[in-house]
């Protein structure tokens, strides 16, 4: 059976997945990547590795006694269940928490890495879902965005945002991020396409502006660390 190659991306760069008989049999770095990450070589094996969790797993004590602390938590096994069972357990537990404690007791976490296109952003999907149930507690920004407020001075922020809005989708900031490849037109075109797939110019500016406008100094004194 002849194999086919499909262009794809990952956190470690673009690649071509070689598919044969409906299964990925090999991964090949993107042909125009001058320095592909060796971590791409782990993708094929990770798909069917014995450490991969192939179905939902529920803590044994939770299945036996329901939610709540227990002396064996952290030491007891996890029990495999079907997807319908897992969805039923999850839906009933979410409803119990919302009915008893409200949205303030639910943290919308799942930091995750965004894929190309905001619809495939795991955290956005989780937040939309939890909003339908009654709201949630969320974190603000990430360590990446948060660094911007320290690295870039407020008086320089507007100029940067203006440049990003005008150049988004055209490869803006490529030279600053990958100076050694500034003359690589193929990689620059790939970077420009990635920007267009990831967000609109307005969305990109809005996300960055929120990072610049956030000042957490007033709440730092409320943070307590358990001893």
C-alpha atoms as a PDB file:
ATOM      1  CA  UNK A   1       0.000   0.000   0.000  1.00  0.00           C
ATOM      2  CA  UNK A   2       1.415   3.362  -1.054  1.00  0.00           C
ATOM      3  CA  UNK A   3       2.023   5.913   1.667  1.00  0.00           C
ATOM      4  CA  UNK A   4       1.056   9.577   1.576  1.00  0.00           C
ATOM      5  CA  UNK A   5       2.597  12.608   3.224  1.00  0.00           C
ATOM      6  CA  UNK A   6       0.585  15.305   4.990  1.00  0.00           C
ATOM      7  CA  UNK A   7       1.992  18.685   6.049  1.00  0.00           C
ATOM      8  CA  UNK A   8       1.380  19.427   9.708  1.00  0.00           C
ATOM      9  CA  UNK A   9       2.791  21.519  12.564  1.00  0.00           C
ATOM     10  CA  UNK A  10       3.758  20.932  16.174  1.00  0.00           C
ATOM     11  CA  UNK A  11       5.310  22.763  19.087  1.00  0.00           C
ATOM     12  CA  UNK A  12       8.674  21.599  17.744  1.00  0.00           C
ATOM     13  CA  UNK A  13       8.171  22.841  14.195  1.00  0.00           C
ATOM     14  CA  UNK A  14       6.523  21.947  10.917  1.00  0.00           C
ATOM     15  CA  UNK A  15       6.767  18.426   9.522  1.00  0.00           C
ATOM     16  CA  UNK A  16       5.291  15.968   7.055  1.00  0.00           C
ATOM     17  CA  UNK A  17       3.529  12.939   8.490  1.00  0.00           C
ATOM     18  CA  UNK A  18       3.909   9.831   6.376  1.00  0.00           C
ATOM     19  CA  UNK A  19       0.668   7.851   6.567  1.00  0.00           C
ATOM     20  CA  UNK A  20       0.223   4.270   5.441  1.00  0.00           C
ATOM     21  CA  UNK A  21      -2.923   2.237   5.958  1.00  0.00           C
ATOM     22  CA  UNK A  22      -4.456   4.956   8.140  1.00  0.00           C
ATOM     23  CA  UNK A  23      -1.489   5.039  10.550  1.00  0.00           C
ATOM     24  CA  UNK A  24       1.436   7.434  10.884  1.00  0.00           C
ATOM     25  CA  UNK A  25       4.541   5.399  10.089  1.00  0.00           C
ATOM     26  CA  UNK A  26       7.129   8.178   9.927  1.00  0.00           C
ATOM     27  CA  UNK A  27       7.670  11.895  10.428  1.00  0.00           C
ATOM     28  CA  UNK A  28       9.830  14.000   8.118  1.00  0.00           C
ATOM     29  CA  UNK A  29      10.957  17.561   8.955  1.00  0.00           C
ATOM     30  CA  UNK A  30       9.620  20.358   6.784  1.00  0.00           C
ATOM     31  CA  UNK A  31      11.854  20.517   3.708  1.00  0.00           C
ATOM     32  CA  UNK A  32      12.604  24.249   4.124  1.00  0.00           C
ATOM     33  CA  UNK A  33      13.449  24.048   7.824  1.00  0.00           C
ATOM     34  CA  UNK A  34      17.239  24.578   7.999  1.00  0.00           C
ATOM     35  CA  UNK A  35      17.523  23.291  11.551  1.00  0.00           C
ATOM     36  CA  UNK A  36      14.667  20.881  12.402  1.00  0.00           C
ATOM     37  CA  UNK A  37      14.274  19.791  15.991  1.00  0.00           C
ATOM     38  CA  UNK A  38      15.254  16.159  16.706  1.00  0.00           C
ATOM     39  CA  UNK A  39      12.217  15.983  18.989  1.00  0.00           C
ATOM     40  CA  UNK A  40      10.068  15.541  15.879  1.00  0.00           C
ATOM     41  CA  UNK A  41      11.398  11.995  15.772  1.00  0.00           C
ATOM     42  CA  UNK A  42       9.443  11.149  18.937  1.00  0.00           C
ATOM     43  CA  UNK A  43       6.035  11.816  17.400  1.00  0.00           C
ATOM     44  CA  UNK A  44       5.632   8.466  15.620  1.00  0.00           C
ATOM     45  CA  UNK A  45       6.493   6.368  18.645  1.00  0.00           C
ATOM     46  CA  UNK A  46       4.395   8.442  21.063  1.00  0.00           C
ATOM     47  CA  UNK A  47       1.199   7.700  19.126  1.00  0.00           C
ATOM     48  CA  UNK A  48       1.237   4.038  20.149  1.00  0.00           C
ATOM     49  CA  UNK A  49       3.597   4.054  23.140  1.00  0.00           C
ATOM     50  CA  UNK A  50       2.638   1.927  26.146  1.00  0.00           C
ATOM     51  CA  UNK A  51       2.730   5.055  28.351  1.00  0.00           C
ATOM     52  CA  UNK A  52      -0.002   6.726  26.303  1.00  0.00           C
ATOM     53  CA  UNK A  53      -3.370   6.928  28.078  1.00  0.00           C
ATOM     54  CA  UNK A  54      -5.769   5.420  25.544  1.00  0.00           C
ATOM     55  CA  UNK A  55      -9.067   5.829  27.389  1.00  0.00           C
ATOM     56  CA  UNK A  56     -10.559   7.713  30.365  1.00  0.00           C
ATOM     57  CA  UNK A  57      -9.247   6.690  33.794  1.00  0.00           C
ATOM     58  CA  UNK A  58     -10.958   7.348  37.147  1.00  0.00           C
ATOM     59  CA  UNK A  59      -9.449   7.050  40.612  1.00  0.00           C
ATOM     60  CA  UNK A  60     -10.657   3.853  42.293  1.00  0.00           C
ATOM     61  CA  UNK A  61     -11.670   5.612  45.507  1.00  0.00           C
ATOM     62  CA  UNK A  62     -13.726   8.155  43.585  1.00  0.00           C
ATOM     63  CA  UNK A  63     -15.622   5.352  41.865  1.00  0.00           C
ATOM     64  CA  UNK A  64     -16.239   3.575  45.178  1.00  0.00           C
ATOM     65  CA  UNK A  65     -17.027   6.506  47.465  1.00  0.00           C
ATOM     66  CA  UNK A  66     -17.578   9.534  45.259  1.00  0.00           C
ATOM     67  CA  UNK A  67     -15.784  12.887  45.523  1.00  0.00           C
ATOM     68  CA  UNK A  68     -13.864  13.950  48.599  1.00  0.00           C
ATOM     69  CA  UNK A  69     -10.539  13.346  50.345  1.00  0.00           C
ATOM     70  CA  UNK A  70      -9.383   9.886  51.277  1.00  0.00           C
ATOM     71  CA  UNK A  71      -6.433   8.289  52.998  1.00  0.00           C
ATOM     72  CA  UNK A  72      -5.408   6.374  49.870  1.00  0.00           C
ATOM     73  CA  UNK A  73      -5.498   9.289  47.463  1.00  0.00           C
ATOM     74  CA  UNK A  74      -2.237   9.286  45.539  1.00  0.00           C
ATOM     75  CA  UNK A  75      -1.621   5.621  46.310  1.00  0.00           C
ATOM     76  CA  UNK A  76      -4.664   3.905  44.830  1.00  0.00           C
ATOM     77  CA  UNK A  77      -4.966   2.739  41.211  1.00  0.00           C
ATOM     78  CA  UNK A  78      -6.895   4.326  38.384  1.00  0.00           C
ATOM     79  CA  UNK A  79      -9.649   2.318  36.736  1.00  0.00           C
ATOM     80  CA  UNK A  80     -10.271   2.434  32.974  1.00  0.00           C
ATOM     81  CA  UNK A  81     -13.835   3.372  31.993  1.00  0.00           C
ATOM     82  CA  UNK A  82     -15.668   3.935  28.737  1.00  0.00           C
ATOM     83  CA  UNK A  83     -16.184   7.393  27.267  1.00  0.00           C
ATOM     84  CA  UNK A  84     -19.961   7.344  27.951  1.00  0.00           C
ATOM     85  CA  UNK A  85     -19.259   6.464  31.603  1.00  0.00           C
ATOM     86  CA  UNK A  86     -16.648   9.201  31.948  1.00  0.00           C
ATOM     87  CA  UNK A  87     -18.917  11.835  30.389  1.00  0.00           C
ATOM     88  CA  UNK A  88     -21.774  10.841  32.696  1.00  0.00           C
ATOM     89  CA  UNK A  89     -19.564  11.018  35.799  1.00  0.00           C
ATOM     90  CA  UNK A  90     -18.131  14.354  34.765  1.00  0.00           C
ATOM     91  CA  UNK A  91     -21.479  15.943  33.928  1.00  0.00           C
ATOM     92  CA  UNK A  92     -23.036  14.881  37.247  1.00  0.00           C
ATOM     93  CA  UNK A  93     -20.025  16.113  39.228  1.00  0.00           C
ATOM     94  CA  UNK A  94     -19.975  19.480  37.457  1.00  0.00           C
ATOM     95  CA  UNK A  95     -23.673  19.953  38.121  1.00  0.00           C
ATOM     96  CA  UNK A  96     -23.179  19.055  41.804  1.00  0.00           C
ATOM     97  CA  UNK A  97     -20.376  21.600  42.224  1.00  0.00           C
ATOM     98  CA  UNK A  98     -22.235  24.370  40.394  1.00  0.00           C
ATOM     99  CA  UNK A  99     -25.460  23.749  42.306  1.00  0.00           C
ATOM    100  CA  UNK A 100     -23.677  23.599  45.667  1.00  0.00           C
ATOM    101  CA  UNK A 101     -20.912  26.161  45.369  1.00  0.00           C
ATOM    102  CA  UNK A 102     -21.474  28.152  42.176  1.00  0.00           C
ATOM    103  CA  UNK A 103     -19.038  29.141  39.458  1.00  0.00           C
ATOM    104  CA  UNK A 104     -16.539  30.548  41.973  1.00  0.00           C
ATOM    105  CA  UNK A 105     -15.624  26.956  42.880  1.00  0.00           C
ATOM    106  CA  UNK A 106     -14.663  25.979  39.323  1.00  0.00           C
ATOM    107  CA  UNK A 107     -11.244  26.865  37.923  1.00  0.00           C
ATOM    108  CA  UNK A 108     -11.061  27.001  34.136  1.00  0.00           C
ATOM    109  CA  UNK A 109      -7.524  25.764  33.755  1.00  0.00           C
ATOM    110  CA  UNK A 110      -6.152  23.601  30.944  1.00  0.00           C
ATOM    111  CA  UNK A 111      -3.299  25.896  30.020  1.00  0.00           C
ATOM    112  CA  UNK A 112      -2.368  23.864  26.964  1.00  0.00           C
ATOM    113  CA  UNK A 113      -0.668  24.985  23.767  1.00  0.00           C
ATOM    114  CA  UNK A 114      -2.718  26.716  21.103  1.00  0.00           C
ATOM    115  CA  UNK A 115      -2.985  25.152  17.693  1.00  0.00           C
ATOM    116  CA  UNK A 116      -3.283  27.166  14.507  1.00  0.00           C
ATOM    117  CA  UNK A 117      -6.670  28.865  14.685  1.00  0.00           C
ATOM    118  CA  UNK A 118      -8.257  30.022  17.903  1.00  0.00           C
ATOM    119  CA  UNK A 119     -11.126  27.547  17.578  1.00  0.00           C
ATOM    120  CA  UNK A 120      -8.658  24.750  18.295  1.00  0.00           C
ATOM    121  CA  UNK A 121      -7.272  26.466  21.391  1.00  0.00           C
ATOM    122  CA  UNK A 122      -7.996  24.030  24.227  1.00  0.00           C
ATOM    123  CA  UNK A 123      -8.408  26.683  26.900  1.00  0.00           C
ATOM    124  CA  UNK A 124     -10.831  28.745  24.800  1.00  0.00           C
ATOM    125  CA  UNK A 125     -13.026  25.706  24.245  1.00  0.00           C
ATOM    126  CA  UNK A 126     -13.018  24.866  27.960  1.00  0.00           C
ATOM    127  CA  UNK A 127     -13.927  28.450  28.893  1.00  0.00           C
ATOM    128  CA  UNK A 128     -16.821  28.516  26.439  1.00  0.00           C
ATOM    129  CA  UNK A 129     -18.114  25.260  27.876  1.00  0.00           C
ATOM    130  CA  UNK A 130     -17.864  26.421  31.501  1.00  0.00           C
ATOM    131  CA  UNK A 131     -19.550  29.726  30.665  1.00  0.00           C
ATOM    132  CA  UNK A 132     -22.582  27.733  29.533  1.00  0.00           C
ATOM    133  CA  UNK A 133     -22.745  26.085  32.976  1.00  0.00           C
ATOM    134  CA  UNK A 134     -22.503  29.254  35.067  1.00  0.00           C
ATOM    135  CA  UNK A 135     -19.055  30.798  34.813  1.00  0.00           C
ATOM    136  CA  UNK A 136     -15.676  29.986  36.314  1.00  0.00           C
ATOM    137  CA  UNK A 137     -12.516  31.361  37.890  1.00  0.00           C
ATOM    138  CA  UNK A 138      -9.768  31.985  35.355  1.00  0.00           C
ATOM    139  CA  UNK A 139      -6.105  32.879  35.286  1.00  0.00           C
ATOM    140  CA  UNK A 140      -4.855  35.983  33.491  1.00  0.00           C
ATOM    141  CA  UNK A 141      -2.249  35.874  30.719  1.00  0.00           C
ATOM    142  CA  UNK A 142       0.661  33.455  30.575  1.00  0.00           C
ATOM    143  CA  UNK A 143       4.328  33.578  31.398  1.00  0.00           C
ATOM    144  CA  UNK A 144       4.944  34.527  27.745  1.00  0.00           C
ATOM    145  CA  UNK A 145       2.574  37.506  27.608  1.00  0.00           C
ATOM    146  CA  UNK A 146       3.383  38.515  31.158  1.00  0.00           C
ATOM    147  CA  UNK A 147       7.047  38.989  30.275  1.00  0.00           C
ATOM    148  CA  UNK A 148       6.102  41.659  27.741  1.00  0.00           C
ATOM    149  CA  UNK A 149       5.041  44.064  30.465  1.00  0.00           C
ATOM    150  CA  UNK A 150       8.555  43.900  31.916  1.00  0.00           C
ATOM    151  CA  UNK A 151      10.658  43.750  28.759  1.00  0.00           C
ATOM    152  CA  UNK A 152       8.865  46.531  26.859  1.00  0.00           C
ATOM    153  CA  UNK A 153       8.446  49.992  28.368  1.00  0.00           C
ATOM    154  CA  UNK A 154       4.872  51.377  28.395  1.00  0.00           C
ATOM    155  CA  UNK A 155       5.910  54.354  26.246  1.00  0.00           C
ATOM    156  CA  UNK A 156       7.105  51.948  23.544  1.00  0.00           C
ATOM    157  CA  UNK A 157       4.024  49.727  23.644  1.00  0.00           C
ATOM    158  CA  UNK A 158       1.805  51.735  21.269  1.00  0.00           C
ATOM    159  CA  UNK A 159       4.463  51.803  18.572  1.00  0.00           C
ATOM    160  CA  UNK A 160       4.906  48.055  18.849  1.00  0.00           C
ATOM    161  CA  UNK A 161       1.165  47.377  18.744  1.00  0.00           C
ATOM    162  CA  UNK A 162       0.759  49.599  15.702  1.00  0.00           C
ATOM    163  CA  UNK A 163       3.550  47.770  13.890  1.00  0.00           C
ATOM    164  CA  UNK A 164       2.044  44.390  14.776  1.00  0.00           C
ATOM    165  CA  UNK A 165      -1.432  45.369  13.553  1.00  0.00           C
ATOM    166  CA  UNK A 166      -0.067  46.655  10.234  1.00  0.00           C
ATOM    167  CA  UNK A 167       2.326  43.776   9.664  1.00  0.00           C
ATOM    168  CA  UNK A 168       0.405  40.837  11.155  1.00  0.00           C
ATOM    169  CA  UNK A 169       0.073  38.065   8.604  1.00  0.00           C
ATOM    170  CA  UNK A 170       3.013  39.439   6.630  1.00  0.00           C
ATOM    171  CA  UNK A 171       5.747  38.021   8.826  1.00  0.00           C
ATOM    172  CA  UNK A 172       6.052  40.866  11.337  1.00  0.00           C
ATOM    173  CA  UNK A 173       8.759  40.352  14.005  1.00  0.00           C
ATOM    174  CA  UNK A 174      10.333  37.491  12.040  1.00  0.00           C
ATOM    175  CA  UNK A 175      13.784  39.112  11.947  1.00  0.00           C
ATOM    176  CA  UNK A 176      13.667  39.909  15.651  1.00  0.00           C
ATOM    177  CA  UNK A 177      12.687  36.349  16.567  1.00  0.00           C
ATOM    178  CA  UNK A 178      14.907  34.455  14.115  1.00  0.00           C
ATOM    179  CA  UNK A 179      17.735  36.834  13.229  1.00  0.00           C
ATOM    180  CA  UNK A 180      19.917  34.073  11.804  1.00  0.00           C
ATOM    181  CA  UNK A 181      17.251  33.301   9.180  1.00  0.00           C
ATOM    182  CA  UNK A 182      16.335  36.854   8.237  1.00  0.00           C
ATOM    183  CA  UNK A 183      17.150  36.157   4.566  1.00  0.00           C
ATOM    184  CA  UNK A 184      15.208  32.896   4.414  1.00  0.00           C
ATOM    185  CA  UNK A 185      12.183  33.946   2.359  1.00  0.00           C
ATOM    186  CA  UNK A 186      10.580  30.505   2.539  1.00  0.00           C
ATOM    187  CA  UNK A 187      10.623  30.426   6.340  1.00  0.00           C
ATOM    188  CA  UNK A 188       9.395  34.003   6.495  1.00  0.00           C
ATOM    189  CA  UNK A 189       6.444  33.055   4.263  1.00  0.00           C
ATOM    190  CA  UNK A 190       5.689  30.128   6.572  1.00  0.00           C
ATOM    191  CA  UNK A 191       5.780  32.447   9.598  1.00  0.00           C
ATOM    192  CA  UNK A 192       3.430  34.908   7.877  1.00  0.00           C
ATOM    193  CA  UNK A 193       0.974  32.119   7.071  1.00  0.00           C
ATOM    194  CA  UNK A 194       1.136  30.853  10.660  1.00  0.00           C
ATOM    195  CA  UNK A 195       0.194  34.328  11.905  1.00  0.00           C
ATOM    196  CA  UNK A 196      -2.802  34.485   9.568  1.00  0.00           C
ATOM    197  CA  UNK A 197      -4.006  31.081  10.749  1.00  0.00           C
ATOM    198  CA  UNK A 198      -3.440  31.836  14.429  1.00  0.00           C
ATOM    199  CA  UNK A 199      -5.361  35.103  14.821  1.00  0.00           C
ATOM    200  CA  UNK A 200      -6.609  38.200  13.060  1.00  0.00           C
ATOM    201  CA  UNK A 201      -4.544  41.409  13.372  1.00  0.00           C
ATOM    202  CA  UNK A 202      -7.140  42.836  15.744  1.00  0.00           C
ATOM    203  CA  UNK A 203      -7.142  39.740  17.945  1.00  0.00           C
ATOM    204  CA  UNK A 204      -3.344  39.701  18.145  1.00  0.00           C
ATOM    205  CA  UNK A 205      -3.240  43.365  19.188  1.00  0.00           C
ATOM    206  CA  UNK A 206      -6.052  42.882  21.717  1.00  0.00           C
ATOM    207  CA  UNK A 207      -4.222  40.008  23.425  1.00  0.00           C
ATOM    208  CA  UNK A 208      -0.993  41.993  23.640  1.00  0.00           C
ATOM    209  CA  UNK A 209      -2.741  45.151  24.804  1.00  0.00           C
ATOM    210  CA  UNK A 210      -4.349  43.246  27.660  1.00  0.00           C
ATOM    211  CA  UNK A 211      -0.889  42.102  28.724  1.00  0.00           C
ATOM    212  CA  UNK A 212       0.404  45.681  28.732  1.00  0.00           C
ATOM    213  CA  UNK A 213      -2.615  46.972  30.646  1.00  0.00           C
ATOM    214  CA  UNK A 214      -2.380  44.386  33.428  1.00  0.00           C
ATOM    215  CA  UNK A 215      -0.763  45.557  36.657  1.00  0.00           C
ATOM    216  CA  UNK A 216      -0.771  42.961  39.439  1.00  0.00           C
ATOM    217  CA  UNK A 217       1.168  45.006  41.990  1.00  0.00           C
ATOM    218  CA  UNK A 218      -1.946  45.896  43.992  1.00  0.00           C
ATOM    219  CA  UNK A 219      -2.702  42.236  44.761  1.00  0.00           C
ATOM    220  CA  UNK A 220       0.830  40.975  45.417  1.00  0.00           C
ATOM    221  CA  UNK A 221       0.504  41.590  49.140  1.00  0.00           C
ATOM    222  CA  UNK A 222      -2.484  39.191  49.320  1.00  0.00           C
ATOM    223  CA  UNK A 223      -0.513  36.187  48.051  1.00  0.00           C
ATOM    224  CA  UNK A 224       0.271  33.647  50.744  1.00  0.00           C
ATOM    225  CA  UNK A 225       2.493  30.570  50.481  1.00  0.00           C
ATOM    226  CA  UNK A 226       1.643  27.517  52.668  1.00  0.00           C
ATOM    227  CA  UNK A 227       4.329  26.647  55.191  1.00  0.00           C
END
